[in-house]
Each structure stands twice: as C-alpha cells, then as structure tokens.
C-alpha cells in the first residue's frame, strides 16, 4: 500500500436481477452483543499461588486491561 492517504469508498448500488432486497438487518452492532464466558476446564481450589479474577469489561482492549491489572498488582503483563 502506498503512502497515499486517499480514502476508498464503495457504492453498493448495483442492479438486481429480481428487484431490490426485501429486507435488511444488522448483526452484533452493540457491545452487549459480544459476550465471552471462558470455561477453564477445572475448578479453582481456593489456595495456591494463583489468583482468579472474573472480569467484565466493556469497550476495552484485552491487552490494555491485562497491562492495567499487571501494573496494579505489580507483576509483568505476561503473568496476567
């Protein structure tokens, strides 16, 4: 890609063989539409060297959040 900052625009006004679309839809457009509940495959036992957190985040980058948690507890982001 060249250094040209020209923005490309696509027009979707092509002719249809049997008339236009009969409907329209939008899928997963809100943050609430994306939910991940991670399954660990084991149950934490309540003691040991690890700490389990249940984190709910909205419109935050996972890497950024991991770095914030690492900074807060004083460990490397790799350890989060």
PDB file of N, CA and C in Angstrom:
ATOM      1  N   UNK A   1       0.852  -1.177   0.000  1.00  0.00           N
ATOM      2  CA  UNK A   1       0.000   0.000   0.000  1.00  0.00           C
ATOM      3  C   UNK A   1       0.887   1.225   0.000  1.00  0.00           C
ATOM      4  N   UNK A   2       0.576   2.188  -0.800  1.00  0.00           N
ATOM      5  CA  UNK A   2       1.394   3.387  -0.907  1.00  0.00           C
ATOM      6  C   UNK A   2       1.110   4.338   0.234  1.00  0.00           C
ATOM      7  N   UNK A   3       1.882   5.388   0.308  1.00  0.00           N
ATOM      8  CA  UNK A   3       1.718   6.379   1.355  1.00  0.00           C
ATOM      9  C   UNK A   3       0.561   7.319   1.109  1.00  0.00           C
ATOM     10  N   UNK A   4      -0.193   7.110   0.064  1.00  0.00           N
ATOM     11  CA  UNK A   4      -1.337   7.946  -0.262  1.00  0.00           C
ATOM     12  C   UNK A   4      -2.430   7.741   0.783  1.00  0.00           C
ATOM     13  N   UNK A   5      -2.908   8.809   1.373  1.00  0.00           N
ATOM     14  CA  UNK A   5      -3.939   8.697   2.410  1.00  0.00           C
ATOM     15  C   UNK A   5      -5.342   8.811   1.827  1.00  0.00           C
ATOM     16  N   UNK A   6      -5.464   8.581   0.529  1.00  0.00           N
ATOM     17  CA  UNK A   6      -6.761   8.645  -0.131  1.00  0.00           C
ATOM     18  C   UNK A   6      -7.687   7.575   0.422  1.00  0.00           C
ATOM     19  N   UNK A   7      -8.894   7.970   0.750  1.00  0.00           N
ATOM     20  CA  UNK A   7      -9.870   7.031   1.295  1.00  0.00           C
ATOM     21  C   UNK A   7     -10.677   6.428   0.163  1.00  0.00           C
ATOM     22  N   UNK A   8     -10.879   5.123   0.213  1.00  0.00           N
ATOM     23  CA  UNK A   8     -11.635   4.429  -0.826  1.00  0.00           C
ATOM     24  C   UNK A   8     -13.069   4.263  -0.361  1.00  0.00           C
ATOM     25  N   UNK A   9     -13.988   4.564  -1.234  1.00  0.00           N
ATOM     26  CA  UNK A   9     -15.407   4.444  -0.922  1.00  0.00           C
ATOM     27  C   UNK A   9     -16.035   3.451  -1.889  1.00  0.00           C
ATOM     28  N   UNK A  10     -16.893   2.597  -1.369  1.00  0.00           N
ATOM     29  CA  UNK A  10     -17.588   1.618  -2.199  1.00  0.00           C
ATOM     30  C   UNK A  10     -19.072   1.955  -2.205  1.00  0.00           C
ATOM     31  N   UNK A  11     -19.645   2.015  -3.375  1.00  0.00           N
ATOM     32  CA  UNK A  11     -21.081   2.238  -3.506  1.00  0.00           C
ATOM     33  C   UNK A  11     -21.729   0.902  -3.836  1.00  0.00           C
ATOM     34  N   UNK A  12     -22.718   0.519  -3.082  1.00  0.00           N
ATOM     35  CA  UNK A  12     -23.408  -0.743  -3.294  1.00  0.00           C
ATOM     36  C   UNK A  12     -24.771  -0.488  -3.945  1.00  0.00           C
ATOM     37  N   UNK A  13     -24.725   0.115  -5.101  1.00  0.00           N
ATOM     38  CA  UNK A  13     -25.965   0.414  -5.815  1.00  0.00           C
ATOM     39  C   UNK A  13     -26.005  -0.338  -7.146  1.00  0.00           C
ATOM     40  N   UNK A  14     -25.654  -1.610  -7.098  1.00  0.00           N
ATOM     41  CA  UNK A  14     -25.637  -2.446  -8.279  1.00  0.00           C
ATOM     42  C   UNK A  14     -27.067  -2.810  -8.677  1.00  0.00           C
ATOM     43  N   UNK A  15     -27.287  -3.075  -9.969  1.00  0.00           N
ATOM     44  CA  UNK A  15     -28.625  -3.505 -10.400  1.00  0.00           C
ATOM     45  C   UNK A  15     -28.924  -4.917  -9.902  1.00  0.00           C
ATOM     46  N   UNK A  16     -30.176  -5.189  -9.626  1.00  0.00           N
ATOM     47  CA  UNK A  16     -30.621  -6.505  -9.163  1.00  0.00           C
ATOM     48  C   UNK A  16     -31.394  -7.203 -10.273  1.00  0.00           C
ATOM     49  N   UNK A  17     -31.282  -8.509 -10.324  1.00  0.00           N
ATOM     50  CA  UNK A  17     -31.967  -9.282 -11.349  1.00  0.00           C
ATOM     51  C   UNK A  17     -33.471  -9.339 -11.090  1.00  0.00           C
ATOM     52  N   UNK A  18     -33.897  -9.366  -9.828  1.00  0.00           N
ATOM     53  CA  UNK A  18     -35.314  -9.531  -9.484  1.00  0.00           C
ATOM     54  C   UNK A  18     -35.766  -8.470  -8.491  1.00  0.00           C
ATOM     55  N   UNK A  19     -35.404  -7.246  -8.675  1.00  0.00           N
ATOM     56  CA  UNK A  19     -35.770  -6.183  -7.763  1.00  0.00           C
ATOM     57  C   UNK A  19     -34.778  -6.094  -6.611  1.00  0.00           C
ATOM     58  N   UNK A  20     -34.950  -5.100  -5.767  1.00  0.00           N
ATOM     59  CA  UNK A  20     -34.034  -4.885  -4.648  1.00  0.00           C
ATOM     60  C   UNK A  20     -34.267  -5.841  -3.497  1.00  0.00           C
ATOM     61  N   UNK A  21     -33.457  -5.732  -2.463  1.00  0.00           N
ATOM     62  CA  UNK A  21     -33.624  -6.586  -1.284  1.00  0.00           C
ATOM     63  C   UNK A  21     -34.992  -6.368  -0.640  1.00  0.00           C
ATOM     64  N   UNK A  22     -35.549  -7.415  -0.062  1.00  0.00           N
ATOM     65  CA  UNK A  22     -36.861  -7.307   0.578  1.00  0.00           C
ATOM     66  C   UNK A  22     -36.741  -6.941   2.056  1.00  0.00           C
ATOM     67  N   UNK A  23     -35.555  -6.880   2.561  1.00  0.00           N
ATOM     68  CA  UNK A  23     -35.353  -6.513   3.960  1.00  0.00           C
ATOM     69  C   UNK A  23     -33.905  -6.174   4.213  1.00  0.00           C
ATOM     70  N   UNK A  24     -33.631  -5.811   5.431  1.00  0.00           N
ATOM     71  CA  UNK A  24     -32.250  -5.532   5.815  1.00  0.00           C
ATOM     72  C   UNK A  24     -32.070  -5.937   7.275  1.00  0.00           C
ATOM     73  N   UNK A  25     -30.832  -6.080   7.666  1.00  0.00           N
ATOM     74  CA  UNK A  25     -30.549  -6.485   9.044  1.00  0.00           C
ATOM     75  C   UNK A  25     -29.175  -5.974   9.451  1.00  0.00           C
ATOM     76  N   UNK A  26     -29.010  -5.847  10.739  1.00  0.00           N
ATOM     77  CA  UNK A  26     -27.699  -5.521  11.305  1.00  0.00           C
ATOM     78  C   UNK A  26     -27.447  -6.531  12.409  1.00  0.00           C
ATOM     79  N   UNK A  27     -26.301  -7.143  12.401  1.00  0.00           N
ATOM     80  CA  UNK A  27     -25.955  -8.157  13.380  1.00  0.00           C
ATOM     81  C   UNK A  27     -24.818  -7.673  14.261  1.00  0.00           C
ATOM     82  N   UNK A  28     -24.953  -7.889  15.534  1.00  0.00           N
ATOM     83  CA  UNK A  28     -23.886  -7.622  16.500  1.00  0.00           C
ATOM     84  C   UNK A  28     -23.281  -6.230  16.320  1.00  0.00           C
ATOM     85  N   UNK A  29     -24.055  -5.252  16.647  1.00  0.00           N
ATOM     86  CA  UNK A  29     -23.602  -3.877  16.488  1.00  0.00           C
ATOM     87  C   UNK A  29     -23.408  -3.167  17.830  1.00  0.00           C
ATOM     88  N   UNK A  30     -23.839  -3.783  18.913  1.00  0.00           N
ATOM     89  CA  UNK A  30     -23.711  -3.196  20.246  1.00  0.00           C
ATOM     90  C   UNK A  30     -22.697  -3.993  21.060  1.00  0.00           C
ATOM     91  N   UNK A  31     -21.994  -3.349  21.990  1.00  0.00           N
ATOM     92  CA  UNK A  31     -21.055  -4.092  22.845  1.00  0.00           C
ATOM     93  C   UNK A  31     -21.717  -5.254  23.587  1.00  0.00           C
ATOM     94  N   UNK A  32     -22.992  -5.113  23.932  1.00  0.00           N
ATOM     95  CA  UNK A  32     -23.702  -6.175  24.643  1.00  0.00           C
ATOM     96  C   UNK A  32     -23.871  -7.431  23.792  1.00  0.00           C
ATOM     97  N   UNK A  33     -23.703  -7.293  22.481  1.00  0.00           N
ATOM     98  CA  UNK A  33     -23.844  -8.434  21.581  1.00  0.00           C
ATOM     99  C   UNK A  33     -22.665  -9.393  21.676  1.00  0.00           C
ATOM    100  N   UNK A  34     -21.579  -8.967  22.286  1.00  0.00           N
ATOM    101  CA  UNK A  34     -20.371  -9.774  22.358  1.00  0.00           C
ATOM    102  C   UNK A  34     -20.120 -10.153  23.809  1.00  0.00           C
ATOM    103  N   UNK A  35     -20.314 -11.422  24.125  1.00  0.00           N
ATOM    104  CA  UNK A  35     -20.126 -11.898  25.485  1.00  0.00           C
ATOM    105  C   UNK A  35     -19.333 -13.189  25.436  1.00  0.00           C
ATOM    106  N   UNK A  36     -18.276 -13.242  26.210  1.00  0.00           N
ATOM    107  CA  UNK A  36     -17.448 -14.442  26.284  1.00  0.00           C
ATOM    108  C   UNK A  36     -17.422 -14.891  27.730  1.00  0.00           C
ATOM    109  N   UNK A  37     -17.807 -16.122  27.969  1.00  0.00           N
ATOM    110  CA  UNK A  37     -17.711 -16.712  29.297  1.00  0.00           C
ATOM    111  C   UNK A  37     -16.707 -17.851  29.163  1.00  0.00           C
ATOM    112  N   UNK A  38     -15.502 -17.612  29.640  1.00  0.00           N
ATOM    113  CA  UNK A  38     -14.419 -18.570  29.451  1.00  0.00           C
ATOM    114  C   UNK A  38     -14.600 -19.786  30.350  1.00  0.00           C
ATOM    115  N   UNK A  39     -14.492 -20.966  29.764  1.00  0.00           N
ATOM    116  CA  UNK A  39     -14.602 -22.213  30.500  1.00  0.00           C
ATOM    117  C   UNK A  39     -13.189 -22.715  30.765  1.00  0.00           C
ATOM    118  N   UNK A  40     -12.840 -22.860  32.039  1.00  0.00           N
ATOM    119  CA  UNK A  40     -11.480 -23.213  32.407  1.00  0.00           C
ATOM    120  C   UNK A  40     -11.176 -24.698  32.234  1.00  0.00           C
ATOM    121  N   UNK A  41     -12.139 -25.551  32.422  1.00  0.00           N
ATOM    122  CA  UNK A  41     -11.894 -26.984  32.357  1.00  0.00           C
ATOM    123  C   UNK A  41     -11.505 -27.571  33.702  1.00  0.00           C
ATOM    124  N   UNK A  42     -11.471 -26.731  34.719  1.00  0.00           N
ATOM    125  CA  UNK A  42     -11.185 -27.166  36.089  1.00  0.00           C
ATOM    126  C   UNK A  42     -11.783 -26.144  37.034  1.00  0.00           C
ATOM    127  N   UNK A  43     -11.908 -26.493  38.282  1.00  0.00           N
ATOM    128  CA  UNK A  43     -12.432 -25.590  39.301  1.00  0.00           C
ATOM    129  C   UNK A  43     -11.284 -25.104  40.183  1.00  0.00           C
ATOM    130  N   UNK A  44     -11.171 -23.809  40.418  1.00  0.00           N
ATOM    131  CA  UNK A  44     -10.162 -23.325  41.366  1.00  0.00           C
ATOM    132  C   UNK A  44     -10.414 -23.919  42.749  1.00  0.00           C
ATOM    133  N   UNK A  45      -9.339 -24.300  43.447  1.00  0.00           N
ATOM    134  CA  UNK A  45      -9.493 -24.956  44.746  1.00  0.00           C
ATOM    135  C   UNK A  45      -9.486 -23.982  45.912  1.00  0.00           C
ATOM    136  N   UNK A  46      -9.108 -22.729  45.671  1.00  0.00           N
ATOM    137  CA  UNK A  46      -9.181 -21.744  46.745  1.00  0.00           C
ATOM    138  C   UNK A  46      -7.868 -21.469  47.443  1.00  0.00           C
ATOM    139  N   UNK A  47      -6.798 -22.176  47.086  1.00  0.00           N
ATOM    140  CA  UNK A  47      -5.491 -21.854  47.646  1.00  0.00           C
ATOM    141  C   UNK A  47      -4.431 -22.102  46.586  1.00  0.00           C
ATOM    142  N   UNK A  48      -3.227 -21.621  46.842  1.00  0.00           N
ATOM    143  CA  UNK A  48      -2.141 -21.770  45.879  1.00  0.00           C
ATOM    144  C   UNK A  48      -1.586 -20.417  45.481  1.00  0.00           C
ATOM    145  N   UNK A  49      -0.728 -20.426  44.466  1.00  0.00           N
ATOM    146  CA  UNK A  49      -0.018 -19.206  44.091  1.00  0.00           C
ATOM    147  C   UNK A  49      -0.749 -18.374  43.043  1.00  0.00           C
ATOM    148  N   UNK A  50      -1.876 -18.815  42.575  1.00  0.00           N
ATOM    149  CA  UNK A  50      -2.607 -18.089  41.540  1.00  0.00           C
ATOM    150  C   UNK A  50      -3.826 -17.386  42.128  1.00  0.00           C
ATOM    151  N   UNK A  51      -4.214 -16.330  41.469  1.00  0.00           N
ATOM    152  CA  UNK A  51      -5.435 -15.604  41.825  1.00  0.00           C
ATOM    153  C   UNK A  51      -6.338 -15.609  40.592  1.00  0.00           C
ATOM    154  N   UNK A  52      -7.573 -16.005  40.780  1.00  0.00           N
ATOM    155  CA  UNK A  52      -8.540 -15.999  39.685  1.00  0.00           C
ATOM    156  C   UNK A  52      -9.424 -14.774  39.813  1.00  0.00           C
ATOM    157  N   UNK A  53      -9.574 -14.075  38.709  1.00  0.00           N
ATOM    158  CA  UNK A  53     -10.446 -12.903  38.671  1.00  0.00           C
ATOM    159  C   UNK A  53     -11.546 -13.145  37.659  1.00  0.00           C
ATOM    160  N   UNK A  54     -12.727 -12.702  37.986  1.00  0.00           N
ATOM    161  CA  UNK A  54     -13.800 -12.666  36.990  1.00  0.00           C
ATOM    162  C   UNK A  54     -13.910 -11.205  36.584  1.00  0.00           C
ATOM    163  N   UNK A  55     -13.637 -10.939  35.335  1.00  0.00           N
ATOM    164  CA  UNK A  55     -13.582  -9.562  34.850  1.00  0.00           C
ATOM    165  C   UNK A  55     -14.676  -9.363  33.813  1.00  0.00           C
ATOM    166  N   UNK A  56     -15.451  -8.335  33.998  1.00  0.00           N
ATOM    167  CA  UNK A  56     -16.409  -7.923  32.978  1.00  0.00           C
ATOM    168  C   UNK A  56     -15.918  -6.599  32.447  1.00  0.00           C
ATOM    169  N   UNK A  57     -15.745  -6.539  31.137  1.00  0.00           N
ATOM    170  CA  UNK A  57     -15.248  -5.309  30.537  1.00  0.00           C
ATOM    171  C   UNK A  57     -16.160  -4.906  29.390  1.00  0.00           C
ATOM    172  N   UNK A  58     -16.155  -3.658  29.089  1.00  0.00           N
ATOM    173  CA  UNK A  58     -16.978  -3.128  28.006  1.00  0.00           C
ATOM    174  C   UNK A  58     -16.140  -2.125  27.237  1.00  0.00           C
ATOM    175  N   UNK A  59     -16.041  -2.346  25.952  1.00  0.00           N
ATOM    176  CA  UNK A  59     -15.313  -1.455  25.043  1.00  0.00           C
ATOM    177  C   UNK A  59     -13.875  -1.227  25.516  1.00  0.00           C
ATOM    178  N   UNK A  60     -13.228  -2.272  26.014  1.00  0.00           N
ATOM    179  CA  UNK A  60     -11.823  -2.185  26.418  1.00  0.00           C
ATOM    180  C   UNK A  60     -11.045  -3.276  25.714  1.00  0.00           C
ATOM    181  N   UNK A  61      -9.844  -2.951  25.327  1.00  0.00           N
ATOM    182  CA  UNK A  61      -8.941  -3.897  24.703  1.00  0.00           C
ATOM    183  C   UNK A  61      -8.406  -4.843  25.764  1.00  0.00           C
ATOM    184  N   UNK A  62      -8.405  -6.142  25.484  1.00  0.00           N
ATOM    185  CA  UNK A  62      -7.959  -7.146  26.453  1.00  0.00           C
ATOM    186  C   UNK A  62      -6.510  -6.934  26.851  1.00  0.00           C
ATOM    187  N   UNK A  63      -5.641  -6.621  25.882  1.00  0.00           N
ATOM    188  CA  UNK A  63      -4.229  -6.393  26.183  1.00  0.00           C
ATOM    189  C   UNK A  63      -4.066  -5.197  27.118  1.00  0.00           C
ATOM    190  N   UNK A  64      -4.790  -4.118  26.844  1.00  0.00           N
ATOM    191  CA  UNK A  64      -4.715  -2.933  27.693  1.00  0.00           C
ATOM    192  C   UNK A  64      -5.167  -3.275  29.114  1.00  0.00           C
ATOM    193  N   UNK A  65      -6.261  -4.017  29.227  1.00  0.00           N
ATOM    194  CA  UNK A  65      -6.781  -4.377  30.545  1.00  0.00           C
ATOM    195  C   UNK A  65      -5.790  -5.261  31.304  1.00  0.00           C
ATOM    196  N   UNK A  66      -5.168  -6.213  30.624  1.00  0.00           N
ATOM    197  CA  UNK A  66      -4.174  -7.072  31.269  1.00  0.00           C
ATOM    198  C   UNK A  66      -3.002  -6.247  31.780  1.00  0.00           C
ATOM    199  N   UNK A  67      -2.581  -5.263  31.016  1.00  0.00           N
ATOM    200  CA  UNK A  67      -1.482  -4.380  31.461  1.00  0.00           C
ATOM    201  C   UNK A  67      -1.886  -3.567  32.685  1.00  0.00           C
ATOM    202  N   UNK A  68      -3.126  -3.123  32.732  1.00  0.00           N
ATOM    203  CA  UNK A  68      -3.601  -2.360  33.891  1.00  0.00           C
ATOM    204  C   UNK A  68      -3.633  -3.233  35.139  1.00  0.00           C
ATOM    205  N   UNK A  69      -4.113  -4.455  35.003  1.00  0.00           N
ATOM    206  CA  UNK A  69      -4.154  -5.379  36.142  1.00  0.00           C
ATOM    207  C   UNK A  69      -2.727  -5.685  36.601  1.00  0.00           C
ATOM    208  N   UNK A  70      -1.825  -5.939  35.655  1.00  0.00           N
ATOM    209  CA  UNK A  70      -0.425  -6.234  35.996  1.00  0.00           C
ATOM    210  C   UNK A  70       0.205  -5.073  36.749  1.00  0.00           C
ATOM    211  N   UNK A  71      -0.025  -3.869  36.276  1.00  0.00           N
ATOM    212  CA  UNK A  71       0.535  -2.686  36.944  1.00  0.00           C
ATOM    213  C   UNK A  71      -0.030  -2.545  38.348  1.00  0.00           C
ATOM    214  N   UNK A  72      -1.318  -2.793  38.498  1.00  0.00           N
ATOM    215  CA  UNK A  72      -1.972  -2.648  39.797  1.00  0.00           C
ATOM    216  C   UNK A  72      -1.415  -3.627  40.831  1.00  0.00           C
ATOM    217  N   UNK A  73      -1.153  -4.865  40.405  1.00  0.00           N
ATOM    218  CA  UNK A  73      -0.674  -5.871  41.367  1.00  0.00           C
ATOM    219  C   UNK A  73       0.839  -6.017  41.361  1.00  0.00           C
ATOM    220  N   UNK A  74       1.535  -5.294  40.476  1.00  0.00           N
ATOM    221  CA  UNK A  74       2.989  -5.303  40.482  1.00  0.00           C
ATOM    222  C   UNK A  74       3.641  -6.524  39.858  1.00  0.00           C
ATOM    223  N   UNK A  75       3.041  -7.031  38.766  1.00  0.00           N
ATOM    224  CA  UNK A  75       3.639  -8.164  38.047  1.00  0.00           C
ATOM    225  C   UNK A  75       3.793  -7.784  36.579  1.00  0.00           C
ATOM    226  N   UNK A  76       4.445  -8.651  35.813  1.00  0.00           N
ATOM    227  CA  UNK A  76       4.611  -8.425  34.380  1.00  0.00           C
ATOM    228  C   UNK A  76       3.280  -8.691  33.683  1.00  0.00           C
ATOM    229  N   UNK A  77       2.989  -7.922  32.623  1.00  0.00           N
ATOM    230  CA  UNK A  77       1.770  -8.200  31.857  1.00  0.00           C
ATOM    231  C   UNK A  77       1.702  -9.646  31.368  1.00  0.00           C
ATOM    232  N   UNK A  78       2.841 -10.244  31.087  1.00  0.00           N
ATOM    233  CA  UNK A  78       2.906 -11.639  30.656  1.00  0.00           C
ATOM    234  C   UNK A  78       2.315 -12.580  31.722  1.00  0.00           C
ATOM    235  N   UNK A  79       2.406 -12.185  32.988  1.00  0.00           N
ATOM    236  CA  UNK A  79       1.935 -13.017  34.074  1.00  0.00           C
ATOM    237  C   UNK A  79       0.431 -12.919  34.312  1.00  0.00           C
ATOM    238  N   UNK A  80      -0.189 -11.984  33.640  1.00  0.00           N
ATOM    239  CA  UNK A  80      -1.645 -11.822  33.808  1.00  0.00           C
ATOM    240  C   UNK A  80      -2.352 -12.667  32.775  1.00  0.00           C
TER     241      UNK A  80
END
